[in-house]
Amino acid sequence: MVYEIATLDIKEGSEAAFEAAVKEAAPYFQKSRGCRGMALERCVETPSRYYLVVTWDSVEDHMVHFRNSPEFQEWRRLAGPHFANPPSVEHTSVTATFF
């Protein structure tokens, strides 16, 4: 299992519309191959910065199957107009859990 962590800087004043767009786009993630869940987190220090954390079975499920799907195009159609700049995306995996 891997986590996609996308850092999303949103145009100031567009935060509420962006959050609504993510909520509308959630079903596109849910029906995608290998997607196990997602969360949207808002940065406390920089309120126009968000972190989209998506749980995938594999990097391939995200980077190949989702990225080349109509669902990804819908995600970008809904959320893309609110981006202040291109998202930064990394993948992580849990190596230890302490509490």
N, C-alpha and C. Protein backbone atom coordinates (compact mmCIF):
# COMPACT_ATOMS: atom_id res chain seq x y z
N MET A 1 0.84 -1.17 0.00
CA MET A 1 0.00 0.00 0.00
C MET A 1 0.89 1.24 0.00
N VAL A 2 0.49 2.22 -0.79
CA VAL A 2 1.25 3.47 -0.86
C VAL A 2 0.30 4.65 -0.68
N TYR A 3 0.88 5.75 -0.28
CA TYR A 3 0.13 6.98 -0.11
C TYR A 3 0.62 8.00 -1.11
N GLU A 4 -0.29 8.54 -1.87
CA GLU A 4 0.00 9.68 -2.74
C GLU A 4 -0.21 10.91 -1.88
N ILE A 5 0.79 11.76 -1.79
CA ILE A 5 0.65 13.01 -1.06
C ILE A 5 0.87 14.13 -2.05
N ALA A 6 -0.23 14.82 -2.37
CA ALA A 6 -0.18 15.92 -3.32
C ALA A 6 -0.27 17.23 -2.55
N THR A 7 0.70 18.09 -2.74
CA THR A 7 0.69 19.43 -2.15
C THR A 7 0.03 20.35 -3.16
N LEU A 8 -1.05 20.98 -2.72
CA LEU A 8 -1.87 21.79 -3.62
C LEU A 8 -1.96 23.21 -3.08
N ASP A 9 -1.37 24.15 -3.78
CA ASP A 9 -1.51 25.57 -3.45
C ASP A 9 -2.68 26.10 -4.24
N ILE A 10 -3.65 26.67 -3.52
CA ILE A 10 -4.90 27.11 -4.10
C ILE A 10 -4.94 28.63 -4.19
N LYS A 11 -5.56 29.13 -5.25
CA LYS A 11 -5.69 30.58 -5.41
C LYS A 11 -6.42 31.15 -4.20
N GLU A 12 -5.86 32.24 -3.65
CA GLU A 12 -6.51 32.86 -2.49
C GLU A 12 -7.93 33.27 -2.84
N GLY A 13 -8.84 32.98 -1.91
CA GLY A 13 -10.25 33.27 -2.11
C GLY A 13 -11.01 32.14 -2.78
N SER A 14 -10.29 31.12 -3.22
CA SER A 14 -10.91 30.00 -3.93
C SER A 14 -10.99 28.74 -3.06
N GLU A 15 -10.64 28.88 -1.79
CA GLU A 15 -10.53 27.70 -0.92
C GLU A 15 -11.86 26.95 -0.77
N ALA A 16 -12.95 27.66 -0.52
CA ALA A 16 -14.24 26.99 -0.34
C ALA A 16 -14.68 26.29 -1.63
N ALA A 17 -14.48 26.93 -2.76
CA ALA A 17 -14.84 26.33 -4.04
C ALA A 17 -13.97 25.11 -4.31
N PHE A 18 -12.69 25.18 -3.94
CA PHE A 18 -11.80 24.03 -4.12
C PHE A 18 -12.26 22.86 -3.26
N GLU A 19 -12.58 23.11 -2.00
CA GLU A 19 -13.04 22.04 -1.12
C GLU A 19 -14.31 21.39 -1.67
N ALA A 20 -15.21 22.20 -2.22
CA ALA A 20 -16.43 21.65 -2.83
C ALA A 20 -16.09 20.81 -4.06
N ALA A 21 -15.10 21.25 -4.82
CA ALA A 21 -14.68 20.49 -6.02
C ALA A 21 -14.10 19.14 -5.63
N VAL A 22 -13.31 19.10 -4.56
CA VAL A 22 -12.74 17.83 -4.11
C VAL A 22 -13.85 16.90 -3.65
N LYS A 23 -14.81 17.43 -2.95
CA LYS A 23 -15.94 16.60 -2.50
C LYS A 23 -16.69 16.03 -3.71
N GLU A 24 -16.89 16.85 -4.73
CA GLU A 24 -17.56 16.39 -5.94
C GLU A 24 -16.73 15.36 -6.69
N ALA A 25 -15.41 15.50 -6.63
CA ALA A 25 -14.52 14.59 -7.35
C ALA A 25 -14.27 13.28 -6.62
N ALA A 26 -14.57 13.20 -5.33
CA ALA A 26 -14.27 12.01 -4.54
C ALA A 26 -14.77 10.71 -5.18
N PRO A 27 -15.98 10.66 -5.74
CA PRO A 27 -16.43 9.41 -6.35
C PRO A 27 -15.56 8.94 -7.51
N TYR A 28 -14.90 9.86 -8.20
CA TYR A 28 -14.01 9.46 -9.30
C TYR A 28 -12.79 8.71 -8.76
N PHE A 29 -12.33 9.10 -7.59
CA PHE A 29 -11.24 8.37 -6.95
C PHE A 29 -11.75 7.02 -6.45
N GLN A 30 -12.92 7.04 -5.78
CA GLN A 30 -13.46 5.83 -5.17
C GLN A 30 -13.63 4.69 -6.17
N LYS A 31 -14.01 5.00 -7.40
CA LYS A 31 -14.24 3.93 -8.36
C LYS A 31 -13.00 3.58 -9.16
N SER A 32 -11.87 4.19 -8.84
CA SER A 32 -10.64 3.91 -9.57
C SER A 32 -9.94 2.67 -9.03
N ARG A 33 -9.33 1.95 -9.93
CA ARG A 33 -8.61 0.72 -9.59
C ARG A 33 -7.56 1.00 -8.52
N GLY A 34 -7.60 0.24 -7.44
CA GLY A 34 -6.58 0.30 -6.40
C GLY A 34 -6.70 1.44 -5.42
N CYS A 35 -7.73 2.27 -5.54
CA CYS A 35 -7.88 3.38 -4.59
C CYS A 35 -8.62 2.89 -3.35
N ARG A 36 -8.02 3.10 -2.19
CA ARG A 36 -8.58 2.61 -0.93
C ARG A 36 -9.17 3.70 -0.05
N GLY A 37 -8.88 4.96 -0.37
CA GLY A 37 -9.42 6.05 0.42
C GLY A 37 -8.65 7.33 0.17
N MET A 38 -9.22 8.43 0.66
CA MET A 38 -8.55 9.71 0.48
C MET A 38 -8.95 10.67 1.59
N ALA A 39 -8.08 11.62 1.83
CA ALA A 39 -8.35 12.67 2.81
C ALA A 39 -7.80 13.98 2.26
N LEU A 40 -8.48 15.06 2.57
CA LEU A 40 -8.00 16.39 2.22
C LEU A 40 -7.65 17.10 3.52
N GLU A 41 -6.41 17.55 3.61
CA GLU A 41 -5.93 18.23 4.81
C GLU A 41 -5.57 19.66 4.44
N ARG A 42 -5.89 20.61 5.33
CA ARG A 42 -5.59 22.02 5.11
C ARG A 42 -4.47 22.45 6.04
N CYS A 43 -3.49 23.14 5.49
CA CYS A 43 -2.35 23.60 6.28
C CYS A 43 -2.80 24.72 7.22
N VAL A 44 -2.44 24.63 8.48
CA VAL A 44 -2.82 25.63 9.47
C VAL A 44 -2.04 26.93 9.23
N GLU A 45 -0.75 26.81 8.98
CA GLU A 45 0.09 28.01 8.82
C GLU A 45 -0.13 28.72 7.48
N THR A 46 -0.49 27.96 6.47
CA THR A 46 -0.71 28.52 5.12
C THR A 46 -2.08 28.04 4.65
N PRO A 47 -3.14 28.77 4.99
CA PRO A 47 -4.51 28.28 4.73
C PRO A 47 -4.86 28.04 3.27
N SER A 48 -4.08 28.56 2.35
CA SER A 48 -4.37 28.28 0.94
C SER A 48 -3.61 27.06 0.42
N ARG A 49 -2.93 26.33 1.33
CA ARG A 49 -2.22 25.10 0.96
C ARG A 49 -2.97 23.90 1.53
N TYR A 50 -3.12 22.90 0.68
CA TYR A 50 -3.80 21.67 1.05
C TYR A 50 -2.89 20.48 0.74
N TYR A 51 -3.18 19.39 1.42
CA TYR A 51 -2.51 18.12 1.14
C TYR A 51 -3.60 17.09 0.86
N LEU A 52 -3.56 16.55 -0.34
CA LEU A 52 -4.48 15.48 -0.70
C LEU A 52 -3.73 14.17 -0.49
N VAL A 53 -4.24 13.35 0.40
CA VAL A 53 -3.59 12.08 0.72
C VAL A 53 -4.52 10.96 0.23
N VAL A 54 -4.02 10.21 -0.75
CA VAL A 54 -4.82 9.14 -1.35
C VAL A 54 -4.10 7.81 -1.11
N THR A 55 -4.82 6.83 -0.62
CA THR A 55 -4.27 5.50 -0.39
C THR A 55 -4.52 4.65 -1.63
N TRP A 56 -3.42 4.12 -2.18
CA TRP A 56 -3.48 3.27 -3.37
C TRP A 56 -2.86 1.91 -3.06
N ASP A 57 -3.28 0.89 -3.79
CA ASP A 57 -2.65 -0.42 -3.66
C ASP A 57 -1.21 -0.37 -4.17
N SER A 58 -0.96 0.45 -5.21
CA SER A 58 0.38 0.53 -5.77
C SER A 58 0.58 1.89 -6.45
N VAL A 59 1.82 2.24 -6.68
CA VAL A 59 2.14 3.47 -7.43
C VAL A 59 1.56 3.35 -8.84
N GLU A 60 1.63 2.16 -9.41
CA GLU A 60 1.10 1.94 -10.76
C GLU A 60 -0.40 2.24 -10.82
N ASP A 61 -1.15 1.87 -9.78
CA ASP A 61 -2.58 2.17 -9.77
C ASP A 61 -2.81 3.67 -9.88
N HIS A 62 -1.96 4.46 -9.23
CA HIS A 62 -2.09 5.91 -9.31
C HIS A 62 -1.55 6.46 -10.62
N MET A 63 -0.27 6.18 -10.88
CA MET A 63 0.44 6.86 -11.97
C MET A 63 0.08 6.33 -13.36
N VAL A 64 -0.35 5.09 -13.46
CA VAL A 64 -0.68 4.53 -14.77
C VAL A 64 -2.20 4.47 -14.95
N HIS A 65 -2.86 3.73 -14.07
CA HIS A 65 -4.28 3.48 -14.26
C HIS A 65 -5.13 4.73 -14.02
N PHE A 66 -4.91 5.41 -12.90
CA PHE A 66 -5.72 6.60 -12.62
C PHE A 66 -5.34 7.76 -13.53
N ARG A 67 -4.06 8.02 -13.66
CA ARG A 67 -3.61 9.17 -14.46
C ARG A 67 -4.02 9.08 -15.92
N ASN A 68 -4.24 7.89 -16.43
CA ASN A 68 -4.64 7.71 -17.83
C ASN A 68 -6.13 7.44 -17.98
N SER A 69 -6.90 7.79 -16.97
CA SER A 69 -8.32 7.47 -16.98
C SER A 69 -9.20 8.71 -17.17
N PRO A 70 -10.44 8.50 -17.59
CA PRO A 70 -11.40 9.61 -17.64
C PRO A 70 -11.66 10.20 -16.25
N GLU A 71 -11.52 9.37 -15.21
CA GLU A 71 -11.73 9.86 -13.84
C GLU A 71 -10.70 10.94 -13.48
N PHE A 72 -9.46 10.74 -13.90
CA PHE A 72 -8.43 11.75 -13.65
C PHE A 72 -8.78 13.04 -14.39
N GLN A 73 -9.26 12.94 -15.60
CA GLN A 73 -9.64 14.13 -16.36
C GLN A 73 -10.76 14.89 -15.65
N GLU A 74 -11.69 14.17 -15.07
CA GLU A 74 -12.77 14.83 -14.32
C GLU A 74 -12.22 15.50 -13.06
N TRP A 75 -11.30 14.84 -12.37
CA TRP A 75 -10.66 15.43 -11.19
C TRP A 75 -10.01 16.75 -11.56
N ARG A 76 -9.23 16.74 -12.64
CA ARG A 76 -8.53 17.96 -13.06
C ARG A 76 -9.51 19.03 -13.53
N ARG A 77 -10.60 18.62 -14.18
CA ARG A 77 -11.60 19.59 -14.62
C ARG A 77 -12.23 20.31 -13.43
N LEU A 78 -12.50 19.55 -12.38
CA LEU A 78 -13.14 20.12 -11.19
C LEU A 78 -12.18 20.93 -10.33
N ALA A 79 -11.01 20.37 -10.05
CA ALA A 79 -10.08 21.00 -9.10
C ALA A 79 -9.08 21.94 -9.76
N GLY A 80 -8.69 21.62 -10.99
CA GLY A 80 -7.63 22.36 -11.66
C GLY A 80 -7.79 23.87 -11.72
N PRO A 81 -8.99 24.40 -11.95
CA PRO A 81 -9.13 25.85 -12.04
C PRO A 81 -8.76 26.60 -10.74
N HIS A 82 -8.69 25.86 -9.63
CA HIS A 82 -8.40 26.49 -8.34
C HIS A 82 -6.91 26.45 -7.99
N PHE A 83 -6.11 25.71 -8.76
CA PHE A 83 -4.68 25.58 -8.46
C PHE A 83 -3.96 26.90 -8.75
N ALA A 84 -3.15 27.34 -7.78
CA ALA A 84 -2.32 28.54 -7.98
C ALA A 84 -1.09 28.19 -8.81
N ASN A 85 -0.65 26.94 -8.71
CA ASN A 85 0.48 26.44 -9.49
C ASN A 85 0.34 24.92 -9.58
N PRO A 86 1.13 24.26 -10.42
CA PRO A 86 1.00 22.81 -10.55
C PRO A 86 1.24 22.08 -9.22
N PRO A 87 0.46 21.04 -8.94
CA PRO A 87 0.65 20.28 -7.71
C PRO A 87 2.00 19.57 -7.68
N SER A 88 2.49 19.35 -6.47
CA SER A 88 3.68 18.54 -6.23
C SER A 88 3.19 17.21 -5.66
N VAL A 89 3.63 16.10 -6.26
CA VAL A 89 3.13 14.79 -5.84
C VAL A 89 4.29 13.87 -5.47
N GLU A 90 4.15 13.22 -4.33
CA GLU A 90 5.12 12.21 -3.88
C GLU A 90 4.34 11.00 -3.42
N HIS A 91 5.03 9.86 -3.36
CA HIS A 91 4.45 8.63 -2.85
C HIS A 91 5.25 8.18 -1.64
N THR A 92 4.53 7.72 -0.63
CA THR A 92 5.19 7.23 0.59
C THR A 92 4.60 5.87 0.96
N SER A 93 5.32 5.18 1.82
CA SER A 93 4.80 3.95 2.42
C SER A 93 5.17 3.97 3.89
N VAL A 94 4.35 3.35 4.70
CA VAL A 94 4.57 3.32 6.14
C VAL A 94 5.69 2.33 6.44
N THR A 95 6.67 2.79 7.20
CA THR A 95 7.75 1.90 7.62
C THR A 95 7.63 1.50 9.08
N ALA A 96 6.91 2.32 9.86
CA ALA A 96 6.70 1.99 11.27
C ALA A 96 5.53 2.82 11.80
N THR A 97 4.79 2.23 12.74
CA THR A 97 3.72 2.94 13.42
C THR A 97 4.00 2.84 14.91
N PHE A 98 3.96 3.97 15.61
CA PHE A 98 4.37 3.98 17.01
C PHE A 98 3.21 4.18 17.98
N PHE A 99 2.14 4.79 17.56
CA PHE A 99 0.99 4.95 18.46
C PHE A 99 -0.22 5.29 17.68
